[in-house]
Structure formats: structure tokens, C-alpha cells
Amino acid sequence: RKIVIYLDEISTTPTCIVVDMFRTGLVAKTQPAAIRIYDYYEPANQVTKFYQSQRLKNSNICDVCADCGCTA
């Protein structure tokens, strides 16, 4: 439910961080997750953005249920 990454500095240059994650449960139509970046020493200096996997957002019950009888 949570991941914490510490960076030595945050600059104005875009930085891409890749994190591999694996689903432990089958869920369709997922909701966006909040991503918050903040300065450890000045927590008021922060920004929050939302991320949503397009693959999971567009999934339906037939994509996650093998026994529901769907004809997808």
C-alpha cells in the first residue's frame, strides 16, 4: 500500500523512477493512487499527483475472474 523512496535532491530536471509491482489480488476498475513528493526537512514543500494504470483502469470483471462465465 505504500512505498518510500529517499532522494538526495529534487531538481527541476525531470527524473524517471521505475518501480516493478505485482498485484496480489484480482481487482477490476482500479482507482487512481496518490503520489506525494515532499522535502523531508520542510514537509510544507510538497506536491501530490495521481497515477492510474491504464491497463487496470480499463479492465472489467471478465479480465480478472476465470470462473464467472464471461464470454469476453
PDB file of N, CA and C in Angstrom:
ATOM      1  N   ARG A   1       0.805  -1.197   0.000  1.00  0.00           N
ATOM      2  CA  ARG A   1       0.000   0.000   0.000  1.00  0.00           C
ATOM      3  C   ARG A   1       0.844   1.255   0.000  1.00  0.00           C
ATOM      4  N   LYS A   2       2.127   1.117   0.371  1.00  0.00           N
ATOM      5  CA  LYS A   2       2.967   2.307   0.464  1.00  0.00           C
ATOM      6  C   LYS A   2       4.395   1.954   0.095  1.00  0.00           C
ATOM      7  N   ILE A   3       5.042   2.878  -0.572  1.00  0.00           N
ATOM      8  CA  ILE A   3       6.459   2.748  -0.876  1.00  0.00           C
ATOM      9  C   ILE A   3       7.113   4.088  -0.566  1.00  0.00           C
ATOM     10  N   VAL A   4       8.284   4.048   0.055  1.00  0.00           N
ATOM     11  CA  VAL A   4       9.012   5.269   0.407  1.00  0.00           C
ATOM     12  C   VAL A   4      10.350   5.229  -0.311  1.00  0.00           C
ATOM     13  N   ILE A   5      10.660   6.299  -1.048  1.00  0.00           N
ATOM     14  CA  ILE A   5      11.926   6.421  -1.764  1.00  0.00           C
ATOM     15  C   ILE A   5      12.576   7.714  -1.305  1.00  0.00           C
ATOM     16  N   TYR A   6      13.815   7.620  -0.870  1.00  0.00           N
ATOM     17  CA  TYR A   6      14.555   8.809  -0.435  1.00  0.00           C
ATOM     18  C   TYR A   6      15.500   9.248  -1.549  1.00  0.00           C
ATOM     19  N   LEU A   7      15.460  10.537  -1.885  1.00  0.00           N
ATOM     20  CA  LEU A   7      16.353  11.111  -2.889  1.00  0.00           C
ATOM     21  C   LEU A   7      17.262  12.128  -2.218  1.00  0.00           C
ATOM     22  N   ASP A   8      18.503  12.211  -2.675  1.00  0.00           N
ATOM     23  CA  ASP A   8      19.436  13.189  -2.120  1.00  0.00           C
ATOM     24  C   ASP A   8      19.003  14.616  -2.443  1.00  0.00           C
ATOM     25  N   GLU A   9      18.402  14.801  -3.621  1.00  0.00           N
ATOM     26  CA  GLU A   9      17.931  16.125  -4.004  1.00  0.00           C
ATOM     27  C   GLU A   9      16.806  15.992  -5.015  1.00  0.00           C
ATOM     28  N   ILE A  10      16.008  17.041  -5.111  1.00  0.00           N
ATOM     29  CA  ILE A  10      14.949  17.123  -6.112  1.00  0.00           C
ATOM     30  C   ILE A  10      15.239  18.371  -6.922  1.00  0.00           C
ATOM     31  N   SER A  11      15.433  18.189  -8.215  1.00  0.00           N
ATOM     32  CA  SER A  11      15.757  19.324  -9.073  1.00  0.00           C
ATOM     33  C   SER A  11      14.604  19.611 -10.026  1.00  0.00           C
ATOM     34  N   THR A  12      14.783  20.594 -10.861  1.00  0.00           N
ATOM     35  CA  THR A  12      13.755  20.933 -11.853  1.00  0.00           C
ATOM     36  C   THR A  12      13.859  20.035 -13.084  1.00  0.00           C
ATOM     37  N   THR A  13      14.924  19.238 -13.179  1.00  0.00           N
ATOM     38  CA  THR A  13      15.084  18.298 -14.284  1.00  0.00           C
ATOM     39  C   THR A  13      14.206  17.076 -14.009  1.00  0.00           C
ATOM     40  N   PRO A  14      13.367  16.695 -14.958  1.00  0.00           N
ATOM     41  CA  PRO A  14      12.523  15.511 -14.742  1.00  0.00           C
ATOM     42  C   PRO A  14      13.351  14.256 -14.460  1.00  0.00           C
ATOM     43  N   THR A  15      12.894  13.479 -13.517  1.00  0.00           N
ATOM     44  CA  THR A  15      13.552  12.234 -13.143  1.00  0.00           C
ATOM     45  C   THR A  15      12.531  11.110 -13.226  1.00  0.00           C
ATOM     46  N   CYS A  16      12.911  10.037 -13.868  1.00  0.00           N
ATOM     47  CA  CYS A  16      12.011   8.891 -14.000  1.00  0.00           C
ATOM     48  C   CYS A  16      12.498   7.782 -13.076  1.00  0.00           C
ATOM     49  N   ILE A  17      11.614   7.317 -12.221  1.00  0.00           N
ATOM     50  CA  ILE A  17      11.925   6.217 -11.311  1.00  0.00           C
ATOM     51  C   ILE A  17      11.022   5.050 -11.690  1.00  0.00           C
ATOM     52  N   VAL A  18      11.620   3.920 -11.977  1.00  0.00           N
ATOM     53  CA  VAL A  18      10.857   2.737 -12.363  1.00  0.00           C
ATOM     54  C   VAL A  18      10.763   1.811 -11.152  1.00  0.00           C
ATOM     55  N   VAL A  19       9.542   1.414 -10.824  1.00  0.00           N
ATOM     56  CA  VAL A  19       9.295   0.510  -9.709  1.00  0.00           C
ATOM     57  C   VAL A  19       8.425  -0.627 -10.229  1.00  0.00           C
ATOM     58  N   ASP A  20       8.931  -1.848 -10.150  1.00  0.00           N
ATOM     59  CA  ASP A  20       8.139  -3.009 -10.549  1.00  0.00           C
ATOM     60  C   ASP A  20       7.226  -3.405  -9.405  1.00  0.00           C
ATOM     61  N   MET A  21       5.953  -3.602  -9.718  1.00  0.00           N
ATOM     62  CA  MET A  21       4.977  -4.016  -8.713  1.00  0.00           C
ATOM     63  C   MET A  21       4.182  -5.193  -9.239  1.00  0.00           C
ATOM     64  N   PHE A  22       3.692  -5.990  -8.327  1.00  0.00           N
ATOM     65  CA  PHE A  22       2.926  -7.154  -8.703  1.00  0.00           C
ATOM     66  C   PHE A  22       1.617  -7.158  -7.931  1.00  0.00           C
ATOM     67  N   ARG A  23       0.517  -7.411  -8.638  1.00  0.00           N
ATOM     68  CA  ARG A  23      -0.782  -7.497  -7.976  1.00  0.00           C
ATOM     69  C   ARG A  23      -0.856  -8.768  -7.151  1.00  0.00           C
ATOM     70  N   THR A  24      -1.400  -8.651  -5.960  1.00  0.00           N
ATOM     71  CA  THR A  24      -1.605  -9.838  -5.124  1.00  0.00           C
ATOM     72  C   THR A  24      -3.066 -10.254  -5.105  1.00  0.00           C
ATOM     73  N   GLY A  25      -3.934  -9.405  -5.627  1.00  0.00           N
ATOM     74  CA  GLY A  25      -5.351  -9.720  -5.697  1.00  0.00           C
ATOM     75  C   GLY A  25      -5.900  -9.284  -7.039  1.00  0.00           C
ATOM     76  N   LEU A  26      -7.002  -9.879  -7.439  1.00  0.00           N
ATOM     77  CA  LEU A  26      -7.615  -9.550  -8.720  1.00  0.00           C
ATOM     78  C   LEU A  26      -8.672  -8.468  -8.513  1.00  0.00           C
ATOM     79  N   VAL A  27      -8.429  -7.299  -9.081  1.00  0.00           N
ATOM     80  CA  VAL A  27      -9.334  -6.160  -8.924  1.00  0.00           C
ATOM     81  C   VAL A  27      -9.553  -5.522 -10.283  1.00  0.00           C
ATOM     82  N   ALA A  28     -10.803  -5.258 -10.619  1.00  0.00           N
ATOM     83  CA  ALA A  28     -11.130  -4.578 -11.875  1.00  0.00           C
ATOM     84  C   ALA A  28     -11.485  -3.122 -11.581  1.00  0.00           C
ATOM     85  N   LYS A  29     -11.354  -2.288 -12.583  1.00  0.00           N
ATOM     86  CA  LYS A  29     -11.711  -0.863 -12.490  1.00  0.00           C
ATOM     87  C   LYS A  29     -11.034  -0.175 -11.305  1.00  0.00           C
ATOM     88  N   THR A  30      -9.717  -0.254 -11.262  1.00  0.00           N
ATOM     89  CA  THR A  30      -8.964   0.347 -10.162  1.00  0.00           C
ATOM     90  C   THR A  30      -9.099   1.867 -10.157  1.00  0.00           C
ATOM     91  N   GLN A  31      -8.850   2.462  -9.022  1.00  0.00           N
ATOM     92  CA  GLN A  31      -8.923   3.909  -8.840  1.00  0.00           C
ATOM     93  C   GLN A  31      -7.508   4.489  -8.802  1.00  0.00           C
ATOM     94  N   PRO A  32      -7.365   5.780  -9.091  1.00  0.00           N
ATOM     95  CA  PRO A  32      -6.034   6.409  -9.060  1.00  0.00           C
ATOM     96  C   PRO A  32      -5.411   6.348  -7.666  1.00  0.00           C
ATOM     97  N   ALA A  33      -4.083   6.269  -7.648  1.00  0.00           N
ATOM     98  CA  ALA A  33      -3.318   6.259  -6.395  1.00  0.00           C
ATOM     99  C   ALA A  33      -2.578   7.581  -6.273  1.00  0.00           C
ATOM    100  N   ALA A  34      -2.525   8.121  -5.069  1.00  0.00           N
ATOM    101  CA  ALA A  34      -1.844   9.395  -4.827  1.00  0.00           C
ATOM    102  C   ALA A  34      -0.339   9.162  -4.716  1.00  0.00           C
ATOM    103  N   ILE A  35       0.419  10.020  -5.384  1.00  0.00           N
ATOM    104  CA  ILE A  35       1.877  10.025  -5.301  1.00  0.00           C
ATOM    105  C   ILE A  35       2.255  11.369  -4.689  1.00  0.00           C
ATOM    106  N   ARG A  36       2.942  11.346  -3.556  1.00  0.00           N
ATOM    107  CA  ARG A  36       3.300  12.602  -2.881  1.00  0.00           C
ATOM    108  C   ARG A  36       4.811  12.718  -2.790  1.00  0.00           C
ATOM    109  N   ILE A  37       5.331  13.840  -3.265  1.00  0.00           N
ATOM    110  CA  ILE A  37       6.752  14.157  -3.178  1.00  0.00           C
ATOM    111  C   ILE A  37       6.881  15.324  -2.203  1.00  0.00           C
ATOM    112  N   TYR A  38       7.783  15.202  -1.237  1.00  0.00           N
ATOM    113  CA  TYR A  38       7.944  16.305  -0.291  1.00  0.00           C
ATOM    114  C   TYR A  38       9.370  16.369   0.225  1.00  0.00           C
ATOM    115  N   ASP A  39       9.727  17.527   0.709  1.00  0.00           N
ATOM    116  CA  ASP A  39      11.034  17.763   1.312  1.00  0.00           C
ATOM    117  C   ASP A  39      10.973  17.266   2.760  1.00  0.00           C
ATOM    118  N   TYR A  40      11.822  16.315   3.101  1.00  0.00           N
ATOM    119  CA  TYR A  40      11.817  15.712   4.439  1.00  0.00           C
ATOM    120  C   TYR A  40      11.975  16.766   5.527  1.00  0.00           C
ATOM    121  N   TYR A  41      12.825  17.764   5.275  1.00  0.00           N
ATOM    122  CA  TYR A  41      13.101  18.779   6.279  1.00  0.00           C
ATOM    123  C   TYR A  41      12.109  19.930   6.255  1.00  0.00           C
ATOM    124  N   GLU A  42      11.355  20.053   5.165  1.00  0.00           N
ATOM    125  CA  GLU A  42      10.312  21.076   5.055  1.00  0.00           C
ATOM    126  C   GLU A  42       9.068  20.434   4.442  1.00  0.00           C
ATOM    127  N   PRO A  43       8.324  19.672   5.222  1.00  0.00           N
ATOM    128  CA  PRO A  43       7.162  18.937   4.698  1.00  0.00           C
ATOM    129  C   PRO A  43       6.116  19.821   4.019  1.00  0.00           C
ATOM    130  N   ALA A  44       6.099  21.112   4.333  1.00  0.00           N
ATOM    131  CA  ALA A  44       5.143  22.009   3.664  1.00  0.00           C
ATOM    132  C   ALA A  44       5.498  22.175   2.193  1.00  0.00           C
ATOM    133  N   ASN A  45       6.733  21.896   1.829  1.00  0.00           N
ATOM    134  CA  ASN A  45       7.186  21.975   0.438  1.00  0.00           C
ATOM    135  C   ASN A  45       6.891  20.621  -0.210  1.00  0.00           C
ATOM    136  N   GLN A  46       5.696  20.474  -0.784  1.00  0.00           N
ATOM    137  CA  GLN A  46       5.270  19.187  -1.321  1.00  0.00           C
ATOM    138  C   GLN A  46       4.361  19.356  -2.527  1.00  0.00           C
ATOM    139  N   VAL A  47       4.193  18.265  -3.250  1.00  0.00           N
ATOM    140  CA  VAL A  47       3.261  18.218  -4.372  1.00  0.00           C
ATOM    141  C   VAL A  47       2.644  16.810  -4.401  1.00  0.00           C
ATOM    142  N   THR A  48       1.384  16.731  -4.755  1.00  0.00           N
ATOM    143  CA  THR A  48       0.692  15.447  -4.862  1.00  0.00           C
ATOM    144  C   THR A  48       0.132  15.304  -6.270  1.00  0.00           C
ATOM    145  N   LYS A  49       0.386  14.179  -6.890  1.00  0.00           N
ATOM    146  CA  LYS A  49      -0.147  13.845  -8.214  1.00  0.00           C
ATOM    147  C   LYS A  49      -0.813  12.481  -8.100  1.00  0.00           C
ATOM    148  N   PHE A  50      -1.641  12.155  -9.083  1.00  0.00           N
ATOM    149  CA  PHE A  50      -2.319  10.866  -9.077  1.00  0.00           C
ATOM    150  C   PHE A  50      -1.879  10.037 -10.273  1.00  0.00           C
ATOM    151  N   TYR A  51      -1.702   8.740 -10.047  1.00  0.00           N
ATOM    152  CA  TYR A  51      -1.288   7.800 -11.090  1.00  0.00           C
ATOM    153  C   TYR A  51      -2.334   6.698 -11.176  1.00  0.00           C
ATOM    154  N   GLN A  52      -2.606   6.280 -12.411  1.00  0.00           N
ATOM    155  CA  GLN A  52      -3.519   5.154 -12.608  1.00  0.00           C
ATOM    156  C   GLN A  52      -3.048   4.344 -13.802  1.00  0.00           C
ATOM    157  N   SER A  53      -2.887   3.070 -13.602  1.00  0.00           N
ATOM    158  CA  SER A  53      -2.517   2.168 -14.686  1.00  0.00           C
ATOM    159  C   SER A  53      -3.668   2.118 -15.694  1.00  0.00           C
ATOM    160  N   GLN A  54      -3.394   2.487 -16.934  1.00  0.00           N
ATOM    161  CA  GLN A  54      -4.441   2.454 -17.957  1.00  0.00           C
ATOM    162  C   GLN A  54      -4.917   1.030 -18.220  1.00  0.00           C
ATOM    163  N   ARG A  55      -4.009   0.081 -18.115  1.00  0.00           N
ATOM    164  CA  ARG A  55      -4.374  -1.312 -18.336  1.00  0.00           C
ATOM    165  C   ARG A  55      -5.393  -1.780 -17.292  1.00  0.00           C
ATOM    166  N   LEU A  56      -5.164  -1.433 -16.030  1.00  0.00           N
ATOM    167  CA  LEU A  56      -6.089  -1.851 -14.976  1.00  0.00           C
ATOM    168  C   LEU A  56      -7.346  -0.983 -14.949  1.00  0.00           C
ATOM    169  N   LYS A  57      -7.220   0.294 -15.301  1.00  0.00           N
ATOM    170  CA  LYS A  57      -8.375   1.200 -15.323  1.00  0.00           C
ATOM    171  C   LYS A  57      -9.429   0.686 -16.289  1.00  0.00           C
ATOM    172  N   ASN A  58      -8.993   0.171 -17.426  1.00  0.00           N
ATOM    173  CA  ASN A  58      -9.917  -0.272 -18.469  1.00  0.00           C
ATOM    174  C   ASN A  58     -10.313  -1.741 -18.336  1.00  0.00           C
ATOM    175  N   SER A  59      -9.891  -2.399 -17.258  1.00  0.00           N
ATOM    176  CA  SER A  59     -10.234  -3.801 -17.085  1.00  0.00           C
ATOM    177  C   SER A  59     -11.674  -3.939 -16.588  1.00  0.00           C
ATOM    178  N   ASN A  60     -12.241  -5.096 -16.817  1.00  0.00           N
ATOM    179  CA  ASN A  60     -13.584  -5.365 -16.306  1.00  0.00           C
ATOM    180  C   ASN A  60     -13.572  -6.687 -15.562  1.00  0.00           C
ATOM    181  N   ILE A  61     -14.682  -7.075 -15.028  1.00  0.00           N
ATOM    182  CA  ILE A  61     -14.762  -8.274 -14.195  1.00  0.00           C
ATOM    183  C   ILE A  61     -14.319  -9.525 -14.956  1.00  0.00           C
ATOM    184  N   CYS A  62     -14.568  -9.570 -16.253  1.00  0.00           N
ATOM    185  CA  CYS A  62     -14.174 -10.739 -17.043  1.00  0.00           C
ATOM    186  C   CYS A  62     -12.655 -10.843 -17.187  1.00  0.00           C
ATOM    187  N   ASP A  63     -11.932  -9.718 -17.040  1.00  0.00           N
ATOM    188  CA  ASP A  63     -10.476  -9.741 -17.116  1.00  0.00           C
ATOM    189  C   ASP A  63      -9.839 -10.340 -15.873  1.00  0.00           C
ATOM    190  N   VAL A  64     -10.556 -10.362 -14.763  1.00  0.00           N
ATOM    191  CA  VAL A  64      -9.966 -10.828 -13.511  1.00  0.00           C
ATOM    192  C   VAL A  64     -10.627 -12.076 -12.952  1.00  0.00           C
ATOM    193  N   CYS A  65     -11.718 -12.514 -13.515  1.00  0.00           N
ATOM    194  CA  CYS A  65     -12.448 -13.663 -12.977  1.00  0.00           C
ATOM    195  C   CYS A  65     -12.464 -14.796 -13.994  1.00  0.00           C
ATOM    196  N   ALA A  66     -11.843 -15.915 -13.651  1.00  0.00           N
ATOM    197  CA  ALA A  66     -11.812 -17.052 -14.559  1.00  0.00           C
ATOM    198  C   ALA A  66     -13.074 -17.901 -14.452  1.00  0.00           C
ATOM    199  N   ASP A  67     -13.822 -17.778 -13.348  1.00  0.00           N
ATOM    200  CA  ASP A  67     -14.965 -18.664 -13.116  1.00  0.00           C
ATOM    201  C   ASP A  67     -16.311 -17.971 -13.228  1.00  0.00           C
ATOM    202  N   CYS A  68     -16.355 -16.753 -13.814  1.00  0.00           N
ATOM    203  CA  CYS A  68     -17.628 -16.019 -13.821  1.00  0.00           C
ATOM    204  C   CYS A  68     -18.514 -16.349 -15.003  1.00  0.00           C
ATOM    205  N   GLY A  69     -18.009 -17.089 -15.963  1.00  0.00           N
ATOM    206  CA  GLY A  69     -18.821 -17.463 -17.114  1.00  0.00           C
ATOM    207  C   GLY A  69     -18.856 -16.414 -18.199  1.00  0.00           C
ATOM    208  N   CYS A  70     -17.959 -15.442 -18.148  1.00  0.00           N
ATOM    209  CA  CYS A  70     -17.909 -14.393 -19.179  1.00  0.00           C
ATOM    210  C   CYS A  70     -17.510 -14.986 -20.516  1.00  0.00           C
ATOM    211  N   THR A  71     -17.960 -14.373 -21.560  1.00  0.00           N
ATOM    212  CA  THR A  71     -17.576 -14.774 -22.919  1.00  0.00           C
ATOM    213  C   THR A  71     -16.818 -13.624 -23.571  1.00  0.00           C
ATOM    214  N   ALA A  72     -15.781 -13.111 -22.875  1.00  0.00           N
ATOM    215  CA  ALA A  72     -15.020 -11.962 -23.354  1.00  0.00           C
ATOM    216  C   ALA A  72     -14.184 -12.264 -24.514  1.00  0.00           C
TER     217      ALA A  72
END
